[in-house]
C-alpha atoms as a PDB file:
ATOM      1  CA  MET A   1      62.538 122.818  92.912  1.00  0.00           C
ATOM      2  CA  ASN A   2      65.168 120.948  94.896  1.00  0.00           C
ATOM      3  CA  ALA A   3      64.617 117.328  95.834  1.00  0.00           C
ATOM      4  CA  ARG A   4      64.458 116.542  99.567  1.00  0.00           C
ATOM      5  CA  VAL A   5      67.594 114.382  99.318  1.00  0.00           C
ATOM      6  CA  LEU A   6      70.744 115.059  97.338  1.00  0.00           C
ATOM      7  CA  VAL A   7      72.731 111.866  96.763  1.00  0.00           C
ATOM      8  CA  SER A   8      76.416 112.800  96.517  1.00  0.00           C
ATOM      9  CA  VAL A   9      78.647 110.226  94.786  1.00  0.00           C
ATOM     10  CA  VAL A  10      82.397 110.702  94.296  1.00  0.00           C
ATOM     11  CA  THR A  11      84.150 108.309  91.924  1.00  0.00           C
ATOM     12  CA  PHE A  12      87.781 107.420  91.310  1.00  0.00           C
ATOM     13  CA  ASN A  13      88.408 104.411  89.068  1.00  0.00           C
ATOM     14  CA  SER A  14      85.061 103.060  90.265  1.00  0.00           C
ATOM     15  CA  GLY A  15      83.991 101.390  87.041  1.00  0.00           C
ATOM     16  CA  ARG A  16      83.728  97.957  88.636  1.00  0.00           C
ATOM     17  CA  HIS A  17      81.067  99.169  91.089  1.00  0.00           C
ATOM     18  CA  LEU A  18      79.298 102.248  89.789  1.00  0.00           C
ATOM     19  CA  GLU A  19      76.754 100.510  87.556  1.00  0.00           C
ATOM     20  CA  THR A  20      75.238  98.446  90.386  1.00  0.00           C
ATOM     21  CA  CYS A  21      75.326 101.418  92.761  1.00  0.00           C
ATOM     22  CA  LEU A  22      73.318 103.616  90.376  1.00  0.00           C
ATOM     23  CA  GLU A  23      70.903 100.804  89.572  1.00  0.00           C
ATOM     24  CA  SER A  24      70.195 100.370  93.288  1.00  0.00           C
ATOM     25  CA  LEU A  25      69.415 104.084  93.531  1.00  0.00           C
ATOM     26  CA  LYS A  26      66.951 103.767  90.661  1.00  0.00           C
ATOM     27  CA  GLN A  27      65.122 101.069  92.645  1.00  0.00           C
ATOM     28  CA  GLN A  28      64.570 103.206  95.754  1.00  0.00           C
ATOM     29  CA  ILE A  29      61.008 103.365  97.091  1.00  0.00           C
ATOM     30  CA  PHE A  30      61.621 106.949  98.193  1.00  0.00           C
ATOM     31  CA  ARG A  31      61.599 109.031  95.024  1.00  0.00           C
ATOM     32  CA  ASP A  32      62.176 112.632  96.115  1.00  0.00           C
ATOM     33  CA  TYR A  33      65.920 112.637  95.491  1.00  0.00           C
ATOM     34  CA  SER A  34      68.491 113.723  92.926  1.00  0.00           C
ATOM     35  CA  VAL A  35      71.925 112.269  92.217  1.00  0.00           C
ATOM     36  CA  ALA A  36      75.107 114.291  91.706  1.00  0.00           C
ATOM     37  CA  VAL A  37      78.401 112.681  90.656  1.00  0.00           C
ATOM     38  CA  TRP A  38      81.953 114.041  90.758  1.00  0.00           C
ATOM     39  CA  ASP A  39      84.616 111.981  89.030  1.00  0.00           C
ATOM     40  CA  ASN A  40      88.189 112.448  90.239  1.00  0.00           C
ATOM     41  CA  ALA A  41      90.016 111.879  86.944  1.00  0.00           C
ATOM     42  CA  SER A  42      89.248 108.186  86.577  1.00  0.00           C
ATOM     43  CA  ALA A  43      91.274 106.247  84.029  1.00  0.00           C
ATOM     44  CA  ASP A  44      89.007 103.190  83.806  1.00  0.00           C
ATOM     45  CA  GLU A  45      85.448 102.744  82.489  1.00  0.00           C
ATOM     46  CA  THR A  46      83.905 104.995  85.185  1.00  0.00           C
ATOM     47  CA  ARG A  47      83.198 107.884  82.823  1.00  0.00           C
ATOM     48  CA  GLY A  48      81.548 105.595  80.317  1.00  0.00           C
ATOM     49  CA  THR A  49      79.156 104.415  83.034  1.00  0.00           C
ATOM     50  CA  ILE A  50      78.455 108.019  84.015  1.00  0.00           C
ATOM     51  CA  GLU A  51      77.602 108.891  80.408  1.00  0.00           C
ATOM     52  CA  LYS A  52      75.328 105.855  80.190  1.00  0.00           C
ATOM     53  CA  HIS A  53      73.307 107.154  83.150  1.00  0.00           C
ATOM     54  CA  ARG A  54      73.598 110.855  82.327  1.00  0.00           C
ATOM     55  CA  ASP A  55      69.805 111.332  82.059  1.00  0.00           C
ATOM     56  CA  PHE A  56      69.398 109.968  85.608  1.00  0.00           C
ATOM     57  CA  LEU A  57      71.969 112.338  87.106  1.00  0.00           C
ATOM     58  CA  SER A  58      71.134 115.900  88.117  1.00  0.00           C
ATOM     59  CA  PHE A  59      74.749 117.089  88.098  1.00  0.00           C
ATOM     60  CA  VAL A  60      78.022 115.694  86.738  1.00  0.00           C
ATOM     61  CA  GLN A  61      81.535 117.055  87.126  1.00  0.00           C
ATOM     62  CA  LEU A  62      84.368 115.325  85.297  1.00  0.00           C
ATOM     63  CA  SER A  63      87.456 116.666  87.018  1.00  0.00           C
ATOM     64  CA  ASP A  64      90.825 116.674  85.259  1.00  0.00           C
ATOM     65  CA  ARG A  65      92.576 115.903  88.570  1.00  0.00           C
ATOM     66  CA  ASN A  66      91.925 114.023  91.788  1.00  0.00           C
ATOM     67  CA  VAL A  67      90.864 116.698  94.280  1.00  0.00           C
ATOM     68  CA  GLY A  68      90.142 114.133  96.985  1.00  0.00           C
ATOM     69  CA  PHE A  69      87.064 112.659  98.637  1.00  0.00           C
ATOM     70  CA  SER A  70      86.497 115.598 100.972  1.00  0.00           C
ATOM     71  CA  ALA A  71      86.766 118.412  98.435  1.00  0.00           C
ATOM     72  CA  ALA A  72      84.649 116.613  95.829  1.00  0.00           C
ATOM     73  CA  HIS A  73      81.808 115.966  98.265  1.00  0.00           C
ATOM     74  CA  ASN A  74      81.992 119.569  99.480  1.00  0.00           C
ATOM     75  CA  ARG A  75      81.520 120.773  95.902  1.00  0.00           C
ATOM     76  CA  LEU A  76      78.616 118.415  95.283  1.00  0.00           C
ATOM     77  CA  ILE A  77      76.833 119.367  98.508  1.00  0.00           C
ATOM     78  CA  GLU A  78      76.902 122.985  97.307  1.00  0.00           C
ATOM     79  CA  THR A  79      75.057 122.109  94.083  1.00  0.00           C
ATOM     80  CA  GLY A  80      71.680 121.899  95.823  1.00  0.00           C
ATOM     81  CA  GLU A  81      69.604 123.107  98.752  1.00  0.00           C
ATOM     82  CA  SER A  82      68.108 119.775  99.723  1.00  0.00           C
ATOM     83  CA  GLU A  83      66.931 119.079 103.263  1.00  0.00           C
ATOM     84  CA  TYR A  84      69.181 116.009 103.446  1.00  0.00           C
ATOM     85  CA  VAL A  85      72.399 114.852 101.800  1.00  0.00           C
ATOM     86  CA  LEU A  86      73.268 111.186 101.316  1.00  0.00           C
ATOM     87  CA  VAL A  87      77.035 110.776 100.958  1.00  0.00           C
ATOM     88  CA  LEU A  88      77.356 107.486  99.104  1.00  0.00           C
ATOM     89  CA  ASN A  89      80.359 105.441  98.021  1.00  0.00           C
ATOM     90  CA  PRO A  90      80.122 103.975  94.512  1.00  0.00           C
ATOM     91  CA  ASP A  91      80.995 100.533  95.941  1.00  0.00           C
ATOM     92  CA  VAL A  92      77.727 100.418  97.926  1.00  0.00           C
ATOM     93  CA  ILE A  93      74.463  98.793  96.854  1.00  0.00           C
ATOM     94  CA  LEU A  94      71.301  99.940  98.659  1.00  0.00           C
ATOM     95  CA  GLU A  95      68.204  97.870  99.297  1.00  0.00           C
ATOM     96  CA  PRO A  96      65.028  99.545  97.922  1.00  0.00           C
ATOM     97  CA  GLY A  97      63.852 100.755 101.343  1.00  0.00           C
ATOM     98  CA  PHE A  98      67.166 102.332 102.375  1.00  0.00           C
ATOM     99  CA  LEU A  99      66.369 105.970 101.647  1.00  0.00           C
ATOM    100  CA  GLN A 100      62.783 105.693 102.852  1.00  0.00           C
ATOM    101  CA  ASN A 101      63.840 104.314 106.227  1.00  0.00           C
ATOM    102  CA  MET A 102      66.690 106.781 106.704  1.00  0.00           C
ATOM    103  CA  VAL A 103      64.620 109.843 105.805  1.00  0.00           C
ATOM    104  CA  SER A 104      61.707 108.702 107.991  1.00  0.00           C
ATOM    105  CA  ALA A 105      64.075 108.262 110.924  1.00  0.00           C
ATOM    106  CA  LEU A 106      65.531 111.757 110.624  1.00  0.00           C
ATOM    107  CA  ASP A 107      62.106 113.273 109.968  1.00  0.00           C
ATOM    108  CA  GLY A 108      60.988 111.878 113.322  1.00  0.00           C
ATOM    109  CA  ASP A 109      63.974 113.009 115.380  1.00  0.00           C
ATOM    110  CA  PRO A 110      64.963 116.674 115.074  1.00  0.00           C
ATOM    111  CA  CYS A 111      67.845 116.250 117.548  1.00  0.00           C
ATOM    112  CA  ALA A 112      69.580 113.893 115.095  1.00  0.00           C
ATOM    113  CA  GLY A 113      71.808 115.484 112.485  1.00  0.00           C
ATOM    114  CA  SER A 114      72.795 112.284 110.704  1.00  0.00           C
ATOM    115  CA  ALA A 115      71.774 108.690 110.231  1.00  0.00           C
ATOM    116  CA  THR A 116      73.584 105.490 109.408  1.00  0.00           C
ATOM    117  CA  GLY A 117      72.055 102.205 108.304  1.00  0.00           C
ATOM    118  CA  LYS A 118      73.104  98.587 108.591  1.00  0.00           C
ATOM    119  CA  LEU A 119      75.854  98.009 106.055  1.00  0.00           C
ATOM    120  CA  LEU A 120      76.727  94.416 105.269  1.00  0.00           C
ATOM    121  CA  ARG A 121      79.655  93.179 103.247  1.00  0.00           C
ATOM    122  CA  LYS A 122      78.752  92.606  99.625  1.00  0.00           C
ATOM    123  CA  THR A 123      79.255  88.880 100.170  1.00  0.00           C
ATOM    124  CA  ALA A 124      76.106  89.115 102.292  1.00  0.00           C
ATOM    125  CA  ALA A 125      74.067  89.522  99.109  1.00  0.00           C
ATOM    126  CA  SER A 126      74.877  85.895  98.310  1.00  0.00           C
ATOM    127  CA  GLY A 127      73.806  84.605 101.728  1.00  0.00           C
ATOM    128  CA  GLN A 128      76.769  85.158 104.073  1.00  0.00           C
ATOM    129  CA  LYS A 129      75.603  88.005 106.290  1.00  0.00           C
ATOM    130  CA  VAL A 130      78.746  89.691 107.598  1.00  0.00           C
ATOM    131  CA  ILE A 131      78.458  93.176 109.082  1.00  0.00           C
ATOM    132  CA  ASP A 132      80.460  96.009 107.563  1.00  0.00           C
ATOM    133  CA  SER A 133      79.246  98.872 109.757  1.00  0.00           C
ATOM    134  CA  THR A 134      76.443  99.859 112.101  1.00  0.00           C
ATOM    135  CA  GLY A 135      78.026 103.227 112.860  1.00  0.00           C
ATOM    136  CA  ILE A 136      81.364 104.572 114.080  1.00  0.00           C
ATOM    137  CA  TYR A 137      82.739 104.244 117.611  1.00  0.00           C
ATOM    138  CA  PHE A 138      85.913 105.530 119.270  1.00  0.00           C
ATOM    139  CA  THR A 139      88.214 103.773 121.727  1.00  0.00           C
ATOM    140  CA  PRO A 140      90.032 105.552 124.600  1.00  0.00           C
ATOM    141  CA  ASN A 141      93.318 105.431 122.653  1.00  0.00           C
ATOM    142  CA  GLN A 142      91.532 107.369 119.878  1.00  0.00           C
ATOM    143  CA  ARG A 143      91.221 104.674 117.278  1.00  0.00           C
ATOM    144  CA  HIS A 144      87.866 104.574 115.559  1.00  0.00           C
ATOM    145  CA  PHE A 145      86.176 101.492 114.171  1.00  0.00           C
ATOM    146  CA  ASP A 146      82.980 100.430 112.490  1.00  0.00           C
ATOM    147  CA  ARG A 147      80.600  98.959 115.039  1.00  0.00           C
ATOM    148  CA  GLY A 148      80.069  95.255 114.401  1.00  0.00           C
ATOM    149  CA  SER A 149      82.686  95.052 111.631  1.00  0.00           C
ATOM    150  CA  ASN A 150      83.472  91.443 110.570  1.00  0.00           C
ATOM    151  CA  GLN A 151      80.788  89.986 112.837  1.00  0.00           C
ATOM    152  CA  VAL A 152      78.215  87.575 111.443  1.00  0.00           C
ATOM    153  CA  ASP A 153      74.839  89.311 111.519  1.00  0.00           C
ATOM    154  CA  ARG A 154      72.746  87.319 113.990  1.00  0.00           C
ATOM    155  CA  GLY A 155      70.337  90.130 114.775  1.00  0.00           C
ATOM    156  CA  GLN A 156      72.516  91.654 117.512  1.00  0.00           C
ATOM    157  CA  TYR A 157      72.184  95.148 116.007  1.00  0.00           C
ATOM    158  CA  GLU A 158      68.456  95.351 115.378  1.00  0.00           C
ATOM    159  CA  LYS A 159      67.635  98.185 117.796  1.00  0.00           C
ATOM    160  CA  CYS A 160      67.452 101.779 116.653  1.00  0.00           C
ATOM    161  CA  ALA A 161      69.787 103.854 118.839  1.00  0.00           C
ATOM    162  CA  TYR A 162      72.227 106.743 118.860  1.00  0.00           C
ATOM    163  CA  VAL A 163      75.805 105.988 117.819  1.00  0.00           C
ATOM    164  CA  PHE A 164      78.809 108.299 117.672  1.00  0.00           C
ATOM    165  CA  GLY A 165      78.748 108.799 113.922  1.00  0.00           C
ATOM    166  CA  ALA A 166      77.845 107.520 110.485  1.00  0.00           C
ATOM    167  CA  SER A 167      80.123 105.591 108.165  1.00  0.00           C
ATOM    168  CA  GLY A 168      80.962 107.783 105.192  1.00  0.00           C
ATOM    169  CA  ALA A 169      80.221 104.872 102.875  1.00  0.00           C
ATOM    170  CA  ALA A 170      76.496 105.652 103.151  1.00  0.00           C
ATOM    171  CA  ALA A 171      75.734 108.526 105.534  1.00  0.00           C
ATOM    172  CA  LEU A 172      72.580 110.637 105.512  1.00  0.00           C
ATOM    173  CA  TYR A 173      73.202 114.158 106.830  1.00  0.00           C
ATOM    174  CA  ARG A 174      70.710 116.849 107.732  1.00  0.00           C
ATOM    175  CA  ARG A 175      71.732 119.938 105.771  1.00  0.00           C
ATOM    176  CA  ALA A 176      71.019 122.173 108.784  1.00  0.00           C
ATOM    177  CA  MET A 177      73.643 120.202 110.701  1.00  0.00           C
ATOM    178  CA  LEU A 178      76.152 120.400 107.852  1.00  0.00           C
ATOM    179  CA  GLN A 179      75.702 124.156 107.668  1.00  0.00           C
ATOM    180  CA  GLU A 180      76.310 124.488 111.399  1.00  0.00           C
ATOM    181  CA  VAL A 181      79.479 122.382 111.617  1.00  0.00           C
ATOM    182  CA  ARG A 182      81.159 123.593 108.448  1.00  0.00           C
ATOM    183  CA  TYR A 183      84.149 125.911 108.616  1.00  0.00           C
ATOM    184  CA  GLU A 184      84.265 128.489 105.851  1.00  0.00           C
ATOM    185  CA  ALA A 185      83.257 126.498 102.734  1.00  0.00           C
ATOM    186  CA  GLU A 186      84.180 123.048 104.035  1.00  0.00           C
ATOM    187  CA  TYR A 187      81.869 120.412 105.500  1.00  0.00           C
ATOM    188  CA  PHE A 188      84.505 117.695 105.222  1.00  0.00           C
ATOM    189  CA  ASP A 189      88.004 118.912 106.052  1.00  0.00           C
ATOM    190  CA  GLU A 190      89.815 119.158 102.715  1.00  0.00           C
ATOM    191  CA  SER A 191      93.238 118.891 104.366  1.00  0.00           C
ATOM    192  CA  PHE A 192      92.267 115.281 105.130  1.00  0.00           C
ATOM    193  CA  PHE A 193      91.945 114.618 101.360  1.00  0.00           C
ATOM    194  CA  ALA A 194      90.422 111.222 102.146  1.00  0.00           C
ATOM    195  CA  TYR A 195      90.034 108.786 105.084  1.00  0.00           C
ATOM    196  CA  ARG A 196      88.820 109.582 108.615  1.00  0.00           C
ATOM    197  CA  GLU A 197      86.914 112.622 107.339  1.00  0.00           C
ATOM    198  CA  ASP A 198      83.608 110.996 108.349  1.00  0.00           C
ATOM    199  CA  ALA A 199      84.841 110.435 111.925  1.00  0.00           C
ATOM    200  CA  ASP A 200      86.081 114.022 112.115  1.00  0.00           C
ATOM    201  CA  LEU A 201      82.715 115.380 110.973  1.00  0.00           C
ATOM    202  CA  ALA A 202      80.928 113.115 113.465  1.00  0.00           C
ATOM    203  CA  TRP A 203      83.088 114.418 116.327  1.00  0.00           C
ATOM    204  CA  ARG A 204      82.402 118.049 115.392  1.00  0.00           C
ATOM    205  CA  ALA A 205      78.673 117.317 115.182  1.00  0.00           C
ATOM    206  CA  GLN A 206      78.718 115.716 118.632  1.00  0.00           C
ATOM    207  CA  TRP A 207      80.326 118.847 120.089  1.00  0.00           C
ATOM    208  CA  MET A 208      77.459 120.906 118.693  1.00  0.00           C
ATOM    209  CA  GLY A 209      74.794 118.648 120.152  1.00  0.00           C
ATOM    210  CA  TRP A 210      73.782 116.749 117.030  1.00  0.00           C
ATOM    211  CA  ARG A 211      73.122 113.046 117.482  1.00  0.00           C
ATOM    212  CA  CYS A 212      73.574 110.246 114.933  1.00  0.00           C
ATOM    213  CA  LEU A 213      70.796 107.697 114.472  1.00  0.00           C
ATOM    214  CA  TYR A 214      71.449 104.061 113.724  1.00  0.00           C
ATOM    215  CA  VAL A 215      68.584 102.745 111.573  1.00  0.00           C
ATOM    216  CA  PRO A 216      68.801  98.939 111.218  1.00  0.00           C
ATOM    217  CA  GLN A 217      65.895  98.822 108.759  1.00  0.00           C
ATOM    218  CA  ALA A 218      68.031 100.704 106.224  1.00  0.00           C
ATOM    219  CA  VAL A 219      70.244  98.021 104.687  1.00  0.00           C
ATOM    220  CA  GLY A 220      73.072  98.333 102.200  1.00  0.00           C
ATOM    221  CA  TYR A 221      76.003  96.244 100.954  1.00  0.00           C
ATOM    222  CA  HIS A 222      79.548  97.596 100.922  1.00  0.00           C
ATOM    223  CA  GLU A 223      82.764  96.257  99.438  1.00  0.00           C
ATOM    224  CA  ARG A 224      85.176  97.598 102.043  1.00  0.00           C
ATOM    225  CA  ARG A 225      88.839  97.691 101.193  1.00  0.00           C
ATOM    226  CA  VAL A 226      90.309  99.808 103.999  1.00  0.00           C
ATOM    227  CA  LEU A 227      90.537  97.596 107.093  1.00  0.00           C
ATOM    228  CA  PRO A 228      93.256  97.547 109.785  1.00  0.00           C
ATOM    229  CA  GLU A 229      94.195  93.981 108.899  1.00  0.00           C
ATOM    230  CA  ASN A 230      94.657  94.963 105.228  1.00  0.00           C
ATOM    231  CA  ARG A 231      97.056  97.850 105.856  1.00  0.00           C
ATOM    232  CA  SER A 232     100.127  96.194 104.338  1.00  0.00           C
ATOM    233  CA  SER A 233      98.310  95.620 101.038  1.00  0.00           C
ATOM    234  CA  LEU A 234      96.727  99.086 100.731  1.00  0.00           C
ATOM    235  CA  PRO A 235      98.080 101.786  98.397  1.00  0.00           C
ATOM    236  CA  ASP A 236     100.733 104.026  99.938  1.00  0.00           C
ATOM    237  CA  ALA A 237      98.562 107.140  99.624  1.00  0.00           C
ATOM    238  CA  ILE A 238      95.765 105.589 101.683  1.00  0.00           C
ATOM    239  CA  ASN A 239      98.095 104.705 104.531  1.00  0.00           C
ATOM    240  CA  MET A 240      99.809 108.092 104.456  1.00  0.00           C
ATOM    241  CA  HIS A 241      96.546 110.042 104.679  1.00  0.00           C
ATOM    242  CA  SER A 242      95.249 107.716 107.384  1.00  0.00           C
ATOM    243  CA  PHE A 243      98.415 108.299 109.440  1.00  0.00           C
ATOM    244  CA  LYS A 244      98.248 112.082 108.960  1.00  0.00           C
ATOM    245  CA  ASN A 245      94.561 112.418 109.668  1.00  0.00           C
ATOM    246  CA  ARG A 246      94.591 110.549 112.992  1.00  0.00           C
ATOM    247  CA  PHE A 247      96.660 113.417 114.433  1.00  0.00           C
ATOM    248  CA  LEU A 248      94.781 116.237 112.714  1.00  0.00           C
ATOM    249  CA  MET A 249      91.438 114.906 113.902  1.00  0.00           C
ATOM    250  CA  ARG A 250      92.611 114.909 117.502  1.00  0.00           C
ATOM    251  CA  VAL A 251      94.134 118.401 117.268  1.00  0.00           C
ATOM    252  CA  LYS A 252      90.783 119.696 116.016  1.00  0.00           C
ATOM    253  CA  ASN A 253      88.478 117.916 118.435  1.00  0.00           C
ATOM    254  CA  MET A 254      90.041 116.633 121.663  1.00  0.00           C
ATOM    255  CA  ASP A 255      89.681 118.790 124.763  1.00  0.00           C
ATOM    256  CA  PRO A 256      92.497 118.943 127.366  1.00  0.00           C
ATOM    257  CA  GLY A 257      90.516 117.059 130.028  1.00  0.00           C
ATOM    258  CA  THR A 258      89.870 114.112 127.715  1.00  0.00           C
ATOM    259  CA  TYR A 259      93.503 114.036 126.646  1.00  0.00           C
ATOM    260  CA  ALA A 260      94.573 113.981 130.300  1.00  0.00           C
ATOM    261  CA  ARG A 261      92.075 111.215 131.092  1.00  0.00           C
ATOM    262  CA  PHE A 262      93.308 108.989 128.273  1.00  0.00           C
ATOM    263  CA  PHE A 263      96.917 110.201 128.122  1.00  0.00           C
ATOM    264  CA  VAL A 264      98.510 106.778 128.667  1.00  0.00           C
ATOM    265  CA  PRO A 265      96.590 104.753 126.031  1.00  0.00           C
ATOM    266  CA  VAL A 266      96.727 107.643 123.543  1.00  0.00           C
ATOM    267  CA  THR A 267     100.476 108.104 123.959  1.00  0.00           C
ATOM    268  CA  ILE A 268     101.179 104.384 123.675  1.00  0.00           C
ATOM    269  CA  ARG A 269      99.147 104.205 120.484  1.00  0.00           C
ATOM    270  CA  ASP A 270     100.815 107.319 119.033  1.00  0.00           C
ATOM    271  CA  ALA A 271     104.269 105.946 119.798  1.00  0.00           C
ATOM    272  CA  ALA A 272     103.387 102.629 118.156  1.00  0.00           C
ATOM    273  CA  ALA A 273     102.055 104.343 115.018  1.00  0.00           C
ATOM    274  CA  LEU A 274     105.080 106.597 114.725  1.00  0.00           C
ATOM    275  CA  ALA A 275     107.516 103.714 115.306  1.00  0.00           C
ATOM    276  CA  TYR A 276     105.761 101.657 112.613  1.00  0.00           C
ATOM    277  CA  VAL A 277     106.085 104.465 110.078  1.00  0.00           C
ATOM    278  CA  LEU A 278     109.696 105.261 110.967  1.00  0.00           C
ATOM    279  CA  GLY A 279     110.788 101.642 111.030  1.00  0.00           C
ATOM    280  CA  ARG A 280     108.725  99.978 108.342  1.00  0.00           C
ATOM    281  CA  GLU A 281     106.141 102.049 106.468  1.00  0.00           C
ATOM    282  CA  TRP A 282     108.460 104.713 105.051  1.00  0.00           C
ATOM    283  CA  SER A 283     105.935 105.597 102.365  1.00  0.00           C
ATOM    284  CA  SER A 284     103.876 107.297 105.099  1.00  0.00           C
ATOM    285  CA  LEU A 285     106.732 109.574 106.223  1.00  0.00           C
ATOM    286  CA  PRO A 286     105.414 112.479 104.060  1.00  0.00           C
ATOM    287  CA  GLY A 287     102.441 112.453 106.418  1.00  0.00           C
ATOM    288  CA  ILE A 288     104.622 114.074 109.118  1.00  0.00           C
ATOM    289  CA  PRO A 289     105.398 117.339 107.258  1.00  0.00           C
ATOM    290  CA  ALA A 290     101.865 117.294 105.821  1.00  0.00           C
ATOM    291  CA  THR A 291     100.492 117.242 109.370  1.00  0.00           C
ATOM    292  CA  ILE A 292     102.731 120.138 110.375  1.00  0.00           C
ATOM    293  CA  ARG A 293     101.630 122.199 107.368  1.00  0.00           C
ATOM    294  CA  ALA A 294      97.972 121.567 108.198  1.00  0.00           C
ATOM    295  CA  LEU A 295      98.284 122.492 111.890  1.00  0.00           C
ATOM    296  CA  PRO A 296      97.469 126.231 111.623  1.00  0.00           C
ATOM    297  CA  ARG A 297      94.174 125.541 109.864  1.00  0.00           C
ATOM    298  CA  ALA A 298      93.394 122.645 112.209  1.00  0.00           C
ATOM    299  CA  LEU A 299      93.850 124.975 115.179  1.00  0.00           C
ATOM    300  CA  ALA A 300      91.609 127.580 113.554  1.00  0.00           C
ATOM    301  CA  TRP A 301      88.958 124.933 112.996  1.00  0.00           C
ATOM    302  CA  ARG A 302      89.354 123.845 116.647  1.00  0.00           C
ATOM    303  CA  LYS A 303      88.714 127.409 117.802  1.00  0.00           C
ATOM    304  CA  PHE A 304      85.634 127.634 115.578  1.00  0.00           C
ATOM    305  CA  THR A 305      84.140 124.394 116.910  1.00  0.00           C
ATOM    306  CA  ARG A 306      84.963 125.250 120.525  1.00  0.00           C
ATOM    307  CA  SER A 307      83.120 128.561 120.233  1.00  0.00           C
ATOM    308  CA  ARG A 308      79.939 126.752 119.148  1.00  0.00           C
ATOM    309  CA  ARG A 309      79.953 123.623 121.286  1.00  0.00           C
ATOM    310  CA  ARG A 310      76.799 122.750 123.192  1.00  0.00           C
ATOM    311  CA  VAL A 311      77.836 119.664 125.127  1.00  0.00           C
ATOM    312  CA  SER A 312      80.318 119.072 127.912  1.00  0.00           C
ATOM    313  CA  PRO A 313      83.634 117.251 127.539  1.00  0.00           C
ATOM    314  CA  ALA A 314      82.244 114.629 129.921  1.00  0.00           C
ATOM    315  CA  GLU A 315      79.461 113.892 127.435  1.00  0.00           C
ATOM    316  CA  ILE A 316      81.979 113.439 124.632  1.00  0.00           C
ATOM    317  CA  ARG A 317      84.148 111.193 126.835  1.00  0.00           C
ATOM    318  CA  SER A 318      81.147 108.981 127.544  1.00  0.00           C
ATOM    319  CA  TRP A 319      81.335 107.773 123.942  1.00  0.00           C
ATOM    320  CA  PHE A 320      84.930 106.501 124.162  1.00  0.00           C
ATOM    321  CA  SER A 321      85.052 102.809 124.998  1.00  0.00           C
ATOM    322  CA  TYR A 322      86.819  99.634 123.892  1.00  0.00           C
ATOM    323  CA  THR A 323      83.383  98.125 123.320  1.00  0.00           C
ATOM    324  CA  PRO A 324      80.924  99.932 121.031  1.00  0.00           C
ATOM    325  CA  VAL A 325      78.644 102.453 122.733  1.00  0.00           C
ATOM    326  CA  ALA A 326      75.025 102.996 121.724  1.00  0.00           C
ATOM    327  CA  LYS A 327      72.622 105.255 123.603  1.00  0.00           C
ATOM    328  CA  PRO A 328      68.825 105.195 123.878  1.00  0.00           C
ATOM    329  CA  LEU A 329      66.796 107.608 121.808  1.00  0.00           C
ATOM    330  CA  LEU A 330      65.739 110.955 123.205  1.00  0.00           C
ATOM    331  CA  ILE A 331      62.171 112.210 123.158  1.00  0.00           C
ATOM    332  CA  PRO A 332      61.619 114.022 119.836  1.00  0.00           C
ATOM    333  CA  ASN A 333      62.042 117.807 119.979  1.00  0.00           C
ATOM    334  CA  SER A 334      64.306 117.540 123.035  1.00  0.00           C
ATOM    335  CA  ARG A 335      67.457 119.037 121.482  1.00  0.00           C
ATOM    336  CA  PHE A 336      69.697 118.986 124.526  1.00  0.00           C
ATOM    337  CA  LEU A 337      72.114 121.510 125.945  1.00  0.00           C
ATOM    338  CA  ILE A 338      74.695 120.418 128.508  1.00  0.00           C
ATOM    339  CA  PRO A 339      76.693 123.117 130.294  1.00  0.00           C
ATOM    340  CA  ASP A 340      80.434 122.810 130.728  1.00  0.00           C
END
């Protein structure tokens, strides 16, 4: 019999973090879960840690190549029929009540397809409470950020509310939602490989009327490496995929009216990103032909999502702001439909 929650963990040279991540899962109050791990050809001690915890894991795949974050999670999600899927980074530590609070929140709100908790930086475990993420938000120029990132946690995000999407570091998804938004066999877009795939999935879910719950009682600790201010020190592959995926995500999800409304800030931001790559970050230049190659499938995915959307472009636009947007909860069982 399948557990109610499948915990999906993808590793790539994650030996420094995986032990504490798995130990935090073992301490969860909520027990009706299983853990599946896919290793993307790690060359460090990751596989030794996996073998150490083999009896705790319901499924293990040791890949001989790095297939990417998106593809690996897609494969793991297919290994079970659980009601919920927790996509979890190996560099996250969960407090014991994390799963219990997240599952309870989604159990009580059938219009929510995902949930995100309060993630703090791992330094917070030693007393310095700095926020990592309380959900994803989008700006009018189509950048997306983690709500509250780098802020000291003073209790300013203690209210349960709807946010645009869940951070892929620790996101709980309703399987019914994943089944609805997937295209062919992909929940996460495999052309993304890694980075921004959580924001893309969140945008598709919003089009189909699925909300994302922010649950402040569900607390975790994340060692985040990919931050805008760290771009110059990040590996070339990370920056290239990030550059590529910002365009693919918009091709797949942005409607013409929203593009017209935000044309000036979007175009300025696009020009700045392209100029930066052409003039300085040459390692990201392969992202341009990669984007072009991925366009036909992105357009097919756009057509698929458009044919199933349940909310108006105006509703989607209401989320885009230079300050984070959170919306009050709906009455349970009030799955909403907004005509175009």
